C-alpha atoms as a PDB file:
ATOM      1  CA  MET A   1      56.736   3.030-114.775  1.00  0.00           C
ATOM      2  CA  SER A   2      55.253   3.440-111.119  1.00  0.00           C
ATOM      3  CA  THR A   3      53.627   0.840-109.527  1.00  0.00           C
ATOM      4  CA  ARG A   4      51.189   3.708-107.738  1.00  0.00           C
ATOM      5  CA  VAL A   5      47.951   5.135-108.762  1.00  0.00           C
ATOM      6  CA  LEU A   6      48.325   8.331-110.157  1.00  0.00           C
ATOM      7  CA  LEU A   7      52.041   8.426-109.088  1.00  0.00           C
ATOM      8  CA  ILE A   8      50.605   9.143-105.397  1.00  0.00           C
ATOM      9  CA  GLY A   9      48.175   6.468-104.613  1.00  0.00           C
ATOM     10  CA  PRO A  10      48.900   2.930-103.108  1.00  0.00           C
ATOM     11  CA  LEU A  11      50.893   0.431-104.403  1.00  0.00           C
ATOM     12  CA  ARG A  12      49.144  -1.518-106.783  1.00  0.00           C
ATOM     13  CA  PRO A  13      51.462  -3.603-108.951  1.00  0.00           C
ATOM     14  CA  ASN A  14      49.061  -5.274-110.782  1.00  0.00           C
ATOM     15  CA  ARG A  15      46.788  -3.383-112.185  1.00  0.00           C
ATOM     16  CA  ALA A  16      44.648  -4.034-115.442  1.00  0.00           C
ATOM     17  CA  PHE A  17      45.523  -2.408-118.056  1.00  0.00           C
ATOM     18  CA  GLY A  18      42.136  -0.559-118.448  1.00  0.00           C
ATOM     19  CA  TRP A  19      43.398   1.615-115.196  1.00  0.00           C
ATOM     20  CA  ARG A  20      46.476   1.937-116.619  1.00  0.00           C
ATOM     21  CA  LEU A  21      45.159   3.750-119.686  1.00  0.00           C
ATOM     22  CA  LEU A  22      42.879   5.603-117.798  1.00  0.00           C
ATOM     23  CA  GLU A  23      45.773   6.790-115.319  1.00  0.00           C
ATOM     24  CA  LEU A  24      47.659   8.267-118.608  1.00  0.00           C
ATOM     25  CA  LEU A  25      44.440   9.867-120.072  1.00  0.00           C
ATOM     26  CA  LEU A  26      43.715  11.724-116.658  1.00  0.00           C
ATOM     27  CA  LEU A  27      47.650  12.714-116.417  1.00  0.00           C
ATOM     28  CA  GLY A  28      47.521  14.136-120.074  1.00  0.00           C
ATOM     29  CA  ALA A  29      44.401  16.260-119.243  1.00  0.00           C
ATOM     30  CA  VAL A  30      46.122  17.472-116.158  1.00  0.00           C
ATOM     31  CA  TRP A  31      49.199  18.260-118.211  1.00  0.00           C
ATOM     32  CA  LEU A  32      46.718  20.197-120.623  1.00  0.00           C
ATOM     33  CA  VAL A  33      44.911  22.067-118.123  1.00  0.00           C
ATOM     34  CA  MET A  34      48.322  23.228-117.059  1.00  0.00           C
ATOM     35  CA  ALA A  35      49.249  24.141-120.428  1.00  0.00           C
ATOM     36  CA  TRP A  36      46.014  26.170-120.970  1.00  0.00           C
ATOM     37  CA  THR A  37      46.692  28.185-117.648  1.00  0.00           C
ATOM     38  CA  VAL A  38      50.415  28.867-119.033  1.00  0.00           C
ATOM     39  CA  GLU A  39      48.942  30.374-122.267  1.00  0.00           C
ATOM     40  CA  ALA A  40      46.641  32.310-120.305  1.00  0.00           C
ATOM     41  CA  ARG A  41      48.830  33.866-118.206  1.00  0.00           C
ATOM     42  CA  MET A  42      50.842  34.922-121.562  1.00  0.00           C
ATOM     43  CA  GLY A  43      47.938  36.560-123.134  1.00  0.00           C
ATOM     44  CA  GLN A  44      45.378  35.355-125.042  1.00  0.00           C
ATOM     45  CA  ARG A  45      44.731  31.519-125.389  1.00  0.00           C
ATOM     46  CA  HIS A  46      44.084  30.324-129.091  1.00  0.00           C
ATOM     47  CA  ALA A  47      41.048  28.373-129.556  1.00  0.00           C
ATOM     48  CA  GLN A  48      42.326  25.012-131.179  1.00  0.00           C
ATOM     49  CA  GLU A  49      40.363  22.630-133.469  1.00  0.00           C
ATOM     50  CA  TRP A  50      39.940  18.952-133.350  1.00  0.00           C
ATOM     51  CA  GLY A  51      43.332  18.003-135.266  1.00  0.00           C
ATOM     52  CA  PHE A  52      45.273  19.721-132.523  1.00  0.00           C
ATOM     53  CA  TYR A  53      43.471  17.271-129.913  1.00  0.00           C
ATOM     54  CA  VAL A  54      44.592  14.128-132.116  1.00  0.00           C
ATOM     55  CA  VAL A  55      47.991  15.325-132.472  1.00  0.00           C
ATOM     56  CA  LEU A  56      48.010  15.632-128.706  1.00  0.00           C
ATOM     57  CA  LEU A  57      46.894  12.420-127.910  1.00  0.00           C
ATOM     58  CA  CYS A  58      49.245  10.760-129.986  1.00  0.00           C
ATOM     59  CA  LEU A  59      52.188  12.551-129.008  1.00  0.00           C
ATOM     60  CA  LEU A  60      50.977  11.087-125.342  1.00  0.00           C
ATOM     61  CA  LEU A  61      50.710   7.815-126.827  1.00  0.00           C
ATOM     62  CA  THR A  62      54.329   7.909-128.163  1.00  0.00           C
ATOM     63  CA  PHE A  63      55.931   8.976-125.491  1.00  0.00           C
ATOM     64  CA  ALA A  64      53.989   6.432-123.225  1.00  0.00           C
ATOM     65  CA  ALA A  65      55.651   3.888-125.549  1.00  0.00           C
ATOM     66  CA  PRO A  66      58.686   3.215-123.991  1.00  0.00           C
ATOM     67  CA  GLY A  67      56.851   2.455-120.548  1.00  0.00           C
ATOM     68  CA  PHE A  68      54.055  -0.060-122.324  1.00  0.00           C
ATOM     69  CA  VAL A  69      57.393  -2.238-123.679  1.00  0.00           C
ATOM     70  CA  TRP A  70      59.144  -1.961-120.615  1.00  0.00           C
ATOM     71  CA  ARG A  71      55.430  -3.038-118.783  1.00  0.00           C
ATOM     72  CA  TYR A  72      54.233  -5.326-120.981  1.00  0.00           C
ATOM     73  CA  LEU A  73      56.961  -6.668-124.000  1.00  0.00           C
ATOM     74  CA  ARG A  74      60.064  -7.125-122.122  1.00  0.00           C
ATOM     75  CA  ARG A  75      61.083 -10.634-121.318  1.00  0.00           C
ATOM     76  CA  HIS A  76      60.702 -11.307-117.407  1.00  0.00           C
ATOM     77  CA  ALA A  77      63.524 -12.973-115.852  1.00  0.00           C
ATOM     78  CA  THR A  78      63.016 -16.310-114.420  1.00  0.00           C
ATOM     79  CA  ALA A  79      64.416 -18.196-111.468  1.00  0.00           C
ATOM     80  CA  SER A  80      65.692 -21.054-114.145  1.00  0.00           C
ATOM     81  CA  ASP A  81      67.503 -18.104-116.380  1.00  0.00           C
END
């Protein structure tokens, strides 16, 4: 929902869809590393198979869906409305 690059960079309201997807994946990776760190501090980190990462990606896309709808699918108000 932010027009900043990676939430801290310069304002870029007209970023391409690819940049937004890259930002989603990078922030997801940051979240995953933080989760690994917490798990390692609590005890032994459990090895995960590929299914875990597929579910994680699906959850990231699910939680990003409202922002996608807001950005690309909602009707924008025009001056004539």
